[in-house]
Amino acid sequence: MVRAVTPARIAAGALAGFAWAGAFRDWMVHLAGDASVTTWQTPVFVLAPGAAIGGLLGYASGLRRAGRPVPRALVAAPLIFGVALFYPPNLLRVFRTGEGTGALGIALVAMAGAYALAGRGRPAARVATGVLAVAGVVGTAFTPAGVNPDLGLGSPEGLWVALQGSALVALFAIAATAPYGRRTASGAQL
């Protein structure tokens, strides 16, 4: 008997992705300080992609739970954050200042971490992607001080912002393992 993927699992994933994107936007506000501006692009290019990614990862989780195969393309779900870069005014900023490339960087770190955590594939590849993911998580902790000297790790706010960013990136990597599944001791795939 093939079990169906419940819409509730997809909705829960979308809600979690929306909340994650909102928390990550809060982290970006701390980095930008007074220069931070919220426009209609915020819900369109930050919150909606977060919800879409979460919904797709929830769908992958539902397929795994139902014992059904997961389309390989779902491992690329985190790249949806890069959609904002192709909006023409944003694309110009990417080439002029590099602004916005962090969205793809975070997605790639999450994907690398997911691959390493999933325990699938060649050990050397898992180690390499694991090292890349750890470097991304640690690098995220040092980003605030590089952007705003007042957010150094020696200040309470700097430590908080560093830990918040690192935790969010690590959480994204954990969530992005949903399309991979894992093998049991008997070799069955979960």
N, C-alpha and C. Protein backbone atom coordinates (compact mmCIF):
# COMPACT_ATOMS: atom_id res chain seq x y z
N MET A 1 0.84 -1.18 0.00
CA MET A 1 0.00 0.00 0.00
C MET A 1 0.89 1.25 0.00
N VAL A 2 0.65 2.15 -0.92
CA VAL A 2 1.41 3.39 -1.02
C VAL A 2 0.68 4.46 -0.25
N ARG A 3 1.38 5.04 0.71
CA ARG A 3 0.78 6.11 1.50
C ARG A 3 0.91 7.43 0.76
N ALA A 4 -0.05 8.29 0.96
CA ALA A 4 -0.05 9.61 0.32
C ALA A 4 0.76 10.59 1.16
N VAL A 5 1.28 11.60 0.51
CA VAL A 5 1.96 12.68 1.21
C VAL A 5 0.88 13.64 1.68
N THR A 6 0.84 13.91 2.96
CA THR A 6 -0.21 14.76 3.49
C THR A 6 0.09 16.23 3.21
N PRO A 7 -0.94 16.98 2.87
CA PRO A 7 -0.74 18.42 2.67
C PRO A 7 -0.24 19.10 3.94
N ALA A 8 -0.57 18.52 5.10
CA ALA A 8 -0.12 19.12 6.35
C ALA A 8 1.40 19.13 6.45
N ARG A 9 2.06 18.10 5.95
CA ARG A 9 3.53 18.05 5.99
C ARG A 9 4.12 19.14 5.09
N ILE A 10 3.51 19.35 3.93
CA ILE A 10 3.98 20.40 3.03
C ILE A 10 3.73 21.77 3.65
N ALA A 11 2.55 21.95 4.24
CA ALA A 11 2.22 23.23 4.88
C ALA A 11 3.13 23.50 6.06
N ALA A 12 3.43 22.48 6.85
CA ALA A 12 4.33 22.66 7.99
C ALA A 12 5.72 23.05 7.50
N GLY A 13 6.17 22.42 6.41
CA GLY A 13 7.47 22.78 5.84
C GLY A 13 7.47 24.22 5.35
N ALA A 14 6.39 24.63 4.69
CA ALA A 14 6.29 26.00 4.18
C ALA A 14 6.29 27.00 5.34
N LEU A 15 5.57 26.69 6.40
CA LEU A 15 5.53 27.57 7.56
C LEU A 15 6.91 27.66 8.21
N ALA A 16 7.58 26.53 8.34
CA ALA A 16 8.92 26.53 8.92
C ALA A 16 9.89 27.32 8.03
N GLY A 17 9.79 27.16 6.73
CA GLY A 17 10.64 27.91 5.81
C GLY A 17 10.38 29.40 5.87
N PHE A 18 9.11 29.78 5.99
CA PHE A 18 8.73 31.19 6.12
C PHE A 18 9.33 31.77 7.40
N ALA A 19 9.19 31.03 8.52
CA ALA A 19 9.73 31.50 9.80
C ALA A 19 11.25 31.59 9.75
N TRP A 20 11.91 30.59 9.12
CA TRP A 20 13.35 30.62 9.00
C TRP A 20 13.78 31.86 8.20
N ALA A 21 13.11 32.11 7.07
CA ALA A 21 13.47 33.26 6.23
C ALA A 21 13.27 34.57 6.99
N GLY A 22 12.22 34.65 7.79
CA GLY A 22 11.99 35.85 8.61
C GLY A 22 13.10 36.04 9.63
N ALA A 23 13.53 34.96 10.26
CA ALA A 23 14.63 35.04 11.23
C ALA A 23 15.93 35.42 10.53
N PHE A 24 16.14 34.89 9.33
CA PHE A 24 17.36 35.22 8.61
C PHE A 24 17.32 36.68 8.14
N ARG A 25 16.15 37.16 7.80
CA ARG A 25 16.02 38.59 7.44
C ARG A 25 16.34 39.45 8.64
N ASP A 26 15.92 39.03 9.84
CA ASP A 26 16.25 39.76 11.06
C ASP A 26 17.77 39.82 11.23
N TRP A 27 18.45 38.72 10.95
CA TRP A 27 19.91 38.68 11.03
C TRP A 27 20.51 39.70 10.05
N MET A 28 19.96 39.77 8.83
CA MET A 28 20.47 40.71 7.84
C MET A 28 20.24 42.15 8.29
N VAL A 29 19.12 42.42 8.97
CA VAL A 29 18.83 43.76 9.48
C VAL A 29 19.90 44.16 10.49
N HIS A 30 20.29 43.23 11.34
CA HIS A 30 21.35 43.55 12.31
C HIS A 30 22.67 43.89 11.60
N LEU A 31 22.96 43.19 10.53
CA LEU A 31 24.19 43.48 9.80
C LEU A 31 24.15 44.87 9.17
N ALA A 32 23.03 45.20 8.56
CA ALA A 32 22.91 46.47 7.83
C ALA A 32 22.70 47.65 8.76
N GLY A 33 22.16 47.42 9.93
CA GLY A 33 21.92 48.51 10.88
C GLY A 33 20.90 49.50 10.33
N ASP A 34 21.21 50.78 10.47
CA ASP A 34 20.28 51.83 10.04
C ASP A 34 20.08 51.87 8.52
N ALA A 35 20.98 51.25 7.78
CA ALA A 35 20.85 51.23 6.31
C ALA A 35 19.81 50.22 5.84
N SER A 36 19.32 49.39 6.76
CA SER A 36 18.33 48.37 6.37
C SER A 36 16.99 49.01 6.04
N VAL A 37 16.44 48.58 4.94
CA VAL A 37 15.14 49.07 4.49
C VAL A 37 14.28 47.87 4.12
N THR A 38 13.05 47.88 4.56
CA THR A 38 12.12 46.82 4.17
C THR A 38 11.19 47.38 3.11
N THR A 39 11.15 46.70 1.97
CA THR A 39 10.30 47.10 0.86
C THR A 39 9.42 45.91 0.49
N TRP A 40 8.66 46.06 -0.59
CA TRP A 40 7.84 44.94 -1.06
C TRP A 40 8.70 43.80 -1.59
N GLN A 41 9.96 44.07 -1.86
CA GLN A 41 10.85 43.00 -2.30
C GLN A 41 11.14 42.01 -1.17
N THR A 42 11.01 42.48 0.08
CA THR A 42 11.30 41.59 1.22
C THR A 42 10.37 40.37 1.23
N PRO A 43 9.04 40.56 1.20
CA PRO A 43 8.21 39.36 1.17
C PRO A 43 8.35 38.56 -0.12
N VAL A 44 8.58 39.25 -1.24
CA VAL A 44 8.66 38.56 -2.52
C VAL A 44 9.96 37.77 -2.68
N PHE A 45 11.08 38.36 -2.27
CA PHE A 45 12.38 37.73 -2.53
C PHE A 45 13.04 37.08 -1.32
N VAL A 46 12.44 37.21 -0.13
CA VAL A 46 13.00 36.57 1.05
C VAL A 46 11.99 35.59 1.65
N LEU A 47 10.82 36.10 2.02
CA LEU A 47 9.84 35.27 2.72
C LEU A 47 9.19 34.23 1.81
N ALA A 48 8.78 34.62 0.62
CA ALA A 48 8.14 33.65 -0.29
C ALA A 48 9.10 32.53 -0.71
N PRO A 49 10.35 32.84 -1.08
CA PRO A 49 11.26 31.74 -1.38
C PRO A 49 11.50 30.83 -0.17
N GLY A 50 11.58 31.41 1.02
CA GLY A 50 11.75 30.59 2.22
C GLY A 50 10.59 29.63 2.39
N ALA A 51 9.37 30.13 2.17
CA ALA A 51 8.19 29.26 2.28
C ALA A 51 8.20 28.20 1.18
N ALA A 52 8.60 28.57 -0.03
CA ALA A 52 8.64 27.60 -1.14
C ALA A 52 9.67 26.50 -0.85
N ILE A 53 10.85 26.90 -0.38
CA ILE A 53 11.88 25.92 -0.06
C ILE A 53 11.38 24.99 1.05
N GLY A 54 10.81 25.57 2.10
CA GLY A 54 10.28 24.76 3.20
C GLY A 54 9.20 23.81 2.74
N GLY A 55 8.31 24.27 1.87
CA GLY A 55 7.25 23.41 1.34
C GLY A 55 7.83 22.25 0.54
N LEU A 56 8.84 22.53 -0.28
CA LEU A 56 9.47 21.46 -1.07
C LEU A 56 10.20 20.46 -0.18
N LEU A 57 10.87 20.96 0.85
CA LEU A 57 11.55 20.04 1.77
C LEU A 57 10.53 19.25 2.58
N GLY A 58 9.40 19.87 2.93
CA GLY A 58 8.33 19.14 3.60
C GLY A 58 7.75 18.06 2.70
N TYR A 59 7.62 18.37 1.41
CA TYR A 59 7.15 17.39 0.44
C TYR A 59 8.12 16.22 0.35
N ALA A 60 9.43 16.53 0.28
CA ALA A 60 10.44 15.47 0.23
C ALA A 60 10.37 14.60 1.47
N SER A 61 10.21 15.23 2.62
CA SER A 61 10.10 14.48 3.87
C SER A 61 8.86 13.58 3.85
N GLY A 62 7.76 14.10 3.31
CA GLY A 62 6.54 13.31 3.21
C GLY A 62 6.69 12.12 2.29
N LEU A 63 7.38 12.33 1.17
CA LEU A 63 7.63 11.21 0.25
C LEU A 63 8.47 10.13 0.94
N ARG A 64 9.50 10.55 1.64
CA ARG A 64 10.35 9.58 2.36
C ARG A 64 9.52 8.82 3.38
N ARG A 65 8.74 9.54 4.14
CA ARG A 65 7.92 8.91 5.19
C ARG A 65 6.92 7.92 4.59
N ALA A 66 6.42 8.25 3.40
CA ALA A 66 5.45 7.38 2.73
C ALA A 66 6.13 6.22 2.01
N GLY A 67 7.46 6.19 2.02
CA GLY A 67 8.17 5.10 1.36
C GLY A 67 8.24 5.26 -0.15
N ARG A 68 8.04 6.48 -0.62
CA ARG A 68 8.06 6.73 -2.05
C ARG A 68 9.37 7.38 -2.46
N PRO A 69 9.77 7.23 -3.72
CA PRO A 69 11.02 7.86 -4.17
C PRO A 69 10.89 9.39 -4.19
N VAL A 70 11.99 10.04 -3.94
CA VAL A 70 12.04 11.50 -3.94
C VAL A 70 12.76 11.96 -5.19
N PRO A 71 12.16 12.85 -5.97
CA PRO A 71 12.86 13.36 -7.16
C PRO A 71 14.20 14.00 -6.78
N ARG A 72 15.25 13.64 -7.49
CA ARG A 72 16.59 14.16 -7.18
C ARG A 72 16.65 15.69 -7.25
N ALA A 73 15.81 16.28 -8.07
CA ALA A 73 15.83 17.74 -8.22
C ALA A 73 15.52 18.46 -6.90
N LEU A 74 14.87 17.80 -5.97
CA LEU A 74 14.52 18.46 -4.70
C LEU A 74 15.76 18.78 -3.86
N VAL A 75 16.89 18.14 -4.12
CA VAL A 75 18.10 18.50 -3.36
C VAL A 75 18.53 19.93 -3.70
N ALA A 76 18.09 20.44 -4.83
CA ALA A 76 18.45 21.80 -5.25
C ALA A 76 17.45 22.85 -4.76
N ALA A 77 16.46 22.47 -3.98
CA ALA A 77 15.45 23.42 -3.50
C ALA A 77 16.06 24.67 -2.85
N PRO A 78 17.13 24.57 -2.06
CA PRO A 78 17.69 25.78 -1.45
C PRO A 78 18.11 26.86 -2.45
N LEU A 79 18.38 26.46 -3.69
CA LEU A 79 18.80 27.45 -4.70
C LEU A 79 17.68 28.42 -5.06
N ILE A 80 16.47 28.16 -4.62
CA ILE A 80 15.37 29.09 -4.89
C ILE A 80 15.69 30.48 -4.34
N PHE A 81 16.50 30.54 -3.28
CA PHE A 81 16.87 31.87 -2.76
C PHE A 81 17.60 32.70 -3.81
N GLY A 82 18.21 32.08 -4.79
CA GLY A 82 18.91 32.80 -5.83
C GLY A 82 18.01 33.47 -6.85
N VAL A 83 16.72 33.16 -6.84
CA VAL A 83 15.77 33.75 -7.80
C VAL A 83 15.81 35.27 -7.73
N ALA A 84 15.96 35.82 -6.55
CA ALA A 84 15.97 37.28 -6.40
C ALA A 84 17.09 37.93 -7.19
N LEU A 85 18.16 37.20 -7.41
CA LEU A 85 19.30 37.78 -8.13
C LEU A 85 18.98 38.08 -9.58
N PHE A 86 17.98 37.41 -10.14
CA PHE A 86 17.67 37.58 -11.56
C PHE A 86 16.65 38.67 -11.84
N TYR A 87 16.15 39.31 -10.78
CA TYR A 87 15.30 40.49 -10.95
C TYR A 87 16.22 41.60 -11.45
N PRO A 88 15.92 42.23 -12.60
CA PRO A 88 16.89 43.13 -13.25
C PRO A 88 17.59 44.15 -12.34
N PRO A 89 16.88 44.91 -11.49
CA PRO A 89 17.64 45.85 -10.63
C PRO A 89 18.60 45.13 -9.68
N ASN A 90 18.21 43.96 -9.21
CA ASN A 90 19.09 43.21 -8.31
C ASN A 90 20.29 42.67 -9.07
N LEU A 91 20.09 42.24 -10.30
CA LEU A 91 21.17 41.70 -11.10
C LEU A 91 22.26 42.76 -11.33
N LEU A 92 21.84 44.00 -11.54
CA LEU A 92 22.81 45.08 -11.70
C LEU A 92 23.63 45.28 -10.43
N ARG A 93 22.96 45.22 -9.27
CA ARG A 93 23.67 45.37 -7.99
C ARG A 93 24.66 44.22 -7.77
N VAL A 94 24.27 43.02 -8.19
CA VAL A 94 25.17 41.87 -8.04
C VAL A 94 26.48 42.15 -8.77
N PHE A 95 26.39 42.66 -10.00
CA PHE A 95 27.59 42.89 -10.79
C PHE A 95 28.36 44.12 -10.33
N ARG A 96 27.65 45.12 -9.79
CA ARG A 96 28.33 46.34 -9.34
C ARG A 96 28.97 46.19 -7.97
N THR A 97 28.22 45.59 -7.03
CA THR A 97 28.69 45.58 -5.64
C THR A 97 28.82 44.18 -5.03
N GLY A 98 28.26 43.18 -5.69
CA GLY A 98 28.26 41.84 -5.11
C GLY A 98 27.10 41.63 -4.15
N GLU A 99 26.30 42.68 -3.92
CA GLU A 99 25.17 42.58 -3.00
C GLU A 99 24.18 41.53 -3.49
N GLY A 100 23.79 40.64 -2.61
CA GLY A 100 22.82 39.61 -2.95
C GLY A 100 23.43 38.24 -3.16
N THR A 101 24.74 38.20 -3.38
CA THR A 101 25.37 36.90 -3.62
C THR A 101 25.38 36.02 -2.38
N GLY A 102 25.19 36.63 -1.22
CA GLY A 102 25.13 35.85 0.02
C GLY A 102 23.99 34.85 0.01
N ALA A 103 22.91 35.18 -0.69
CA ALA A 103 21.76 34.27 -0.76
C ALA A 103 22.17 32.94 -1.40
N LEU A 104 22.92 33.02 -2.47
CA LEU A 104 23.41 31.79 -3.11
C LEU A 104 24.46 31.10 -2.25
N GLY A 105 25.29 31.89 -1.59
CA GLY A 105 26.31 31.32 -0.72
C GLY A 105 25.70 30.51 0.41
N ILE A 106 24.68 31.05 1.04
CA ILE A 106 24.00 30.36 2.14
C ILE A 106 23.33 29.09 1.61
N ALA A 107 22.71 29.17 0.44
CA ALA A 107 22.06 27.99 -0.15
C ALA A 107 23.09 26.91 -0.44
N LEU A 108 24.23 27.29 -0.98
CA LEU A 108 25.27 26.29 -1.30
C LEU A 108 25.87 25.67 -0.04
N VAL A 109 26.04 26.48 1.01
CA VAL A 109 26.54 25.94 2.28
C VAL A 109 25.52 24.95 2.85
N ALA A 110 24.23 25.30 2.78
CA ALA A 110 23.19 24.40 3.27
C ALA A 110 23.17 23.09 2.48
N MET A 111 23.32 23.19 1.17
CA MET A 111 23.33 21.99 0.33
C MET A 111 24.56 21.12 0.63
N ALA A 112 25.70 21.76 0.84
CA ALA A 112 26.92 21.01 1.17
C ALA A 112 26.75 20.30 2.51
N GLY A 113 26.22 21.03 3.49
CA GLY A 113 25.99 20.44 4.80
C GLY A 113 24.99 19.30 4.74
N ALA A 114 23.96 19.47 3.95
CA ALA A 114 22.94 18.41 3.82
C ALA A 114 23.55 17.15 3.23
N TYR A 115 24.37 17.32 2.21
CA TYR A 115 25.01 16.15 1.59
C TYR A 115 25.89 15.42 2.60
N ALA A 116 26.65 16.19 3.35
CA ALA A 116 27.54 15.58 4.34
C ALA A 116 26.75 14.89 5.45
N LEU A 117 25.70 15.54 5.92
CA LEU A 117 24.90 14.99 7.03
C LEU A 117 24.07 13.78 6.62
N ALA A 118 23.68 13.72 5.35
CA ALA A 118 22.80 12.64 4.90
C ALA A 118 23.48 11.28 4.95
N GLY A 119 24.80 11.26 4.95
CA GLY A 119 25.51 9.98 5.05
C GLY A 119 25.42 9.14 3.79
N ARG A 120 25.17 9.78 2.68
CA ARG A 120 25.08 9.08 1.39
C ARG A 120 26.26 9.49 0.53
N GLY A 121 26.62 8.67 -0.43
CA GLY A 121 27.68 9.02 -1.35
C GLY A 121 29.06 8.61 -0.84
N ARG A 122 30.06 9.03 -1.56
CA ARG A 122 31.44 8.65 -1.23
C ARG A 122 31.90 9.37 0.03
N PRO A 123 32.62 8.67 0.88
CA PRO A 123 33.11 9.28 2.12
C PRO A 123 33.96 10.54 1.87
N ALA A 124 34.83 10.50 0.86
CA ALA A 124 35.68 11.66 0.59
C ALA A 124 34.83 12.88 0.21
N ALA A 125 33.79 12.66 -0.57
CA ALA A 125 32.90 13.77 -0.96
C ALA A 125 32.14 14.30 0.25
N ARG A 126 31.72 13.40 1.13
CA ARG A 126 31.01 13.83 2.35
C ARG A 126 31.93 14.64 3.26
N VAL A 127 33.17 14.21 3.38
CA VAL A 127 34.13 14.96 4.20
C VAL A 127 34.38 16.34 3.59
N ALA A 128 34.59 16.40 2.29
CA ALA A 128 34.84 17.68 1.62
C ALA A 128 33.66 18.63 1.77
N THR A 129 32.45 18.13 1.54
CA THR A 129 31.29 19.01 1.68
C THR A 129 31.04 19.36 3.14
N GLY A 130 31.36 18.45 4.04
CA GLY A 130 31.24 18.74 5.47
C GLY A 130 32.17 19.86 5.90
N VAL A 131 33.41 19.81 5.41
CA VAL A 131 34.38 20.86 5.72
C VAL A 131 33.90 22.19 5.15
N LEU A 132 33.40 22.18 3.93
CA LEU A 132 32.85 23.40 3.32
C LEU A 132 31.69 23.95 4.15
N ALA A 133 30.80 23.07 4.58
CA ALA A 133 29.64 23.52 5.37
C ALA A 133 30.07 24.08 6.72
N VAL A 134 30.98 23.42 7.39
CA VAL A 134 31.46 23.92 8.68
C VAL A 134 32.14 25.29 8.49
N ALA A 135 32.93 25.41 7.43
CA ALA A 135 33.56 26.70 7.14
C ALA A 135 32.50 27.78 6.90
N GLY A 136 31.41 27.42 6.22
CA GLY A 136 30.34 28.38 5.98
C GLY A 136 29.63 28.79 7.26
N VAL A 137 29.39 27.82 8.14
CA VAL A 137 28.73 28.11 9.41
C VAL A 137 29.63 28.99 10.28
N VAL A 138 30.90 28.64 10.36
CA VAL A 138 31.85 29.43 11.15
C VAL A 138 32.04 30.81 10.51
N GLY A 139 32.15 30.84 9.20
CA GLY A 139 32.28 32.11 8.50
C GLY A 139 31.10 33.03 8.76
N THR A 140 29.93 32.46 8.86
CA THR A 140 28.73 33.25 9.16
C THR A 140 28.86 33.91 10.52
N ALA A 141 29.52 33.25 11.46
CA ALA A 141 29.72 33.83 12.79
C ALA A 141 30.62 35.06 12.74
N PHE A 142 31.56 35.09 11.81
CA PHE A 142 32.49 36.22 11.72
C PHE A 142 32.02 37.31 10.76
N THR A 143 30.96 37.05 10.01
CA THR A 143 30.44 38.03 9.06
C THR A 143 29.99 39.32 9.74
N PRO A 144 29.25 39.27 10.85
CA PRO A 144 28.78 40.53 11.44
C PRO A 144 29.91 41.52 11.75
N ALA A 145 31.00 41.05 12.33
CA ALA A 145 32.11 41.95 12.67
C ALA A 145 32.76 42.52 11.41
N GLY A 146 32.76 41.76 10.33
CA GLY A 146 33.32 42.25 9.07
C GLY A 146 32.47 43.31 8.42
N VAL A 147 31.17 43.25 8.66
CA VAL A 147 30.25 44.22 8.07
C VAL A 147 30.08 45.44 8.97
N ASN A 148 30.04 45.20 10.27
CA ASN A 148 29.79 46.27 11.23
C ASN A 148 30.72 46.05 12.43
N PRO A 149 31.75 46.87 12.58
CA PRO A 149 32.72 46.67 13.66
C PRO A 149 32.09 46.64 15.06
N ASP A 150 30.92 47.23 15.23
CA ASP A 150 30.24 47.20 16.53
C ASP A 150 29.69 45.82 16.86
N LEU A 151 29.68 44.92 15.89
CA LEU A 151 29.13 43.57 16.10
C LEU A 151 30.24 42.53 16.26
N GLY A 152 31.34 42.93 16.84
CA GLY A 152 32.42 41.99 17.12
C GLY A 152 31.99 40.96 18.16
N LEU A 153 32.66 39.83 18.16
CA LEU A 153 32.31 38.75 19.08
C LEU A 153 32.50 39.13 20.54
N GLY A 154 33.22 40.20 20.82
CA GLY A 154 33.44 40.64 22.19
C GLY A 154 32.29 41.42 22.78
N SER A 155 31.31 41.77 21.96
CA SER A 155 30.14 42.50 22.49
C SER A 155 28.97 41.54 22.62
N PRO A 156 28.07 41.79 23.58
CA PRO A 156 26.91 40.90 23.73
C PRO A 156 26.07 40.81 22.45
N GLU A 157 25.83 41.97 21.81
CA GLU A 157 25.02 41.95 20.58
C GLU A 157 25.77 41.24 19.46
N GLY A 158 27.06 41.46 19.36
CA GLY A 158 27.85 40.80 18.32
C GLY A 158 27.85 39.30 18.48
N LEU A 159 27.99 38.83 19.73
CA LEU A 159 27.95 37.39 19.98
C LEU A 159 26.58 36.82 19.63
N TRP A 160 25.53 37.54 20.02
CA TRP A 160 24.17 37.08 19.73
C TRP A 160 23.94 36.98 18.22
N VAL A 161 24.33 38.01 17.49
CA VAL A 161 24.12 38.02 16.04
C VAL A 161 24.96 36.92 15.37
N ALA A 162 26.19 36.72 15.86
CA ALA A 162 27.04 35.66 15.30
C ALA A 162 26.41 34.29 15.53
N LEU A 163 25.95 34.04 16.74
CA LEU A 163 25.33 32.74 17.04
C LEU A 163 24.02 32.55 16.29
N GLN A 164 23.24 33.62 16.16
CA GLN A 164 21.98 33.53 15.43
C GLN A 164 22.23 33.15 13.97
N GLY A 165 23.15 33.83 13.32
CA GLY A 165 23.43 33.54 11.91
C GLY A 165 23.96 32.13 11.72
N SER A 166 24.90 31.73 12.57
CA SER A 166 25.47 30.38 12.45
C SER A 166 24.42 29.31 12.69
N ALA A 167 23.58 29.52 13.70
CA ALA A 167 22.53 28.54 14.00
C ALA A 167 21.54 28.43 12.85
N LEU A 168 21.20 29.55 12.23
CA LEU A 168 20.26 29.52 11.11
C LEU A 168 20.84 28.78 9.90
N VAL A 169 22.10 28.98 9.62
CA VAL A 169 22.73 28.28 8.50
C VAL A 169 22.81 26.78 8.79
N ALA A 170 23.18 26.43 10.02
CA ALA A 170 23.25 25.01 10.39
C ALA A 170 21.86 24.37 10.31
N LEU A 171 20.85 25.08 10.77
CA LEU A 171 19.48 24.57 10.72
C LEU A 171 19.02 24.36 9.27
N PHE A 172 19.39 25.27 8.40
CA PHE A 172 19.05 25.15 6.98
C PHE A 172 19.69 23.88 6.40
N ALA A 173 20.94 23.62 6.76
CA ALA A 173 21.61 22.41 6.27
C ALA A 173 20.90 21.16 6.78
N ILE A 174 20.49 21.16 8.03
CA ILE A 174 19.78 20.00 8.58
C ILE A 174 18.46 19.80 7.85
N ALA A 175 17.72 20.87 7.63
CA ALA A 175 16.43 20.76 6.93
C ALA A 175 16.64 20.27 5.50
N ALA A 176 17.72 20.70 4.87
CA ALA A 176 17.98 20.34 3.47
C ALA A 176 18.36 18.87 3.29
N THR A 177 18.48 18.12 4.38
CA THR A 177 18.74 16.68 4.25
C THR A 177 17.48 15.91 3.85
N ALA A 178 16.31 16.53 3.92
CA ALA A 178 15.05 15.83 3.65
C ALA A 178 15.01 15.06 2.33
N PRO A 179 15.54 15.59 1.24
CA PRO A 179 15.48 14.82 -0.01
C PRO A 179 16.40 13.60 -0.06
N TYR A 180 17.35 13.52 0.84
CA TYR A 180 18.33 12.44 0.78
C TYR A 180 17.88 11.13 1.40
N GLY A 181 17.22 11.19 2.51
CA GLY A 181 16.91 9.96 3.22
C GLY A 181 18.18 9.34 3.76
N ARG A 182 18.08 8.19 4.36
CA ARG A 182 19.25 7.51 4.89
C ARG A 182 19.03 6.01 4.80
N ARG A 183 20.08 5.28 4.93
CA ARG A 183 20.00 3.82 4.86
C ARG A 183 20.05 3.25 6.29
N THR A 184 19.27 2.22 6.51
CA THR A 184 19.29 1.54 7.78
C THR A 184 20.42 0.50 7.79
N ALA A 185 20.64 -0.15 8.91
CA ALA A 185 21.69 -1.17 9.02
C ALA A 185 21.48 -2.30 8.02
N SER A 186 20.22 -2.59 7.69
CA SER A 186 19.92 -3.67 6.74
C SER A 186 20.05 -3.21 5.28
N GLY A 187 20.30 -1.89 5.07
CA GLY A 187 20.45 -1.38 3.71
C GLY A 187 19.18 -0.78 3.15
N ALA A 188 18.07 -0.87 3.89
CA ALA A 188 16.83 -0.27 3.40
C ALA A 188 16.94 1.25 3.46
N GLN A 189 16.34 1.93 2.51
CA GLN A 189 16.38 3.38 2.48
C GLN A 189 15.18 3.94 3.21
N LEU A 190 15.44 4.93 4.09
CA LEU A 190 14.36 5.64 4.79
C LEU A 190 14.13 6.97 4.16
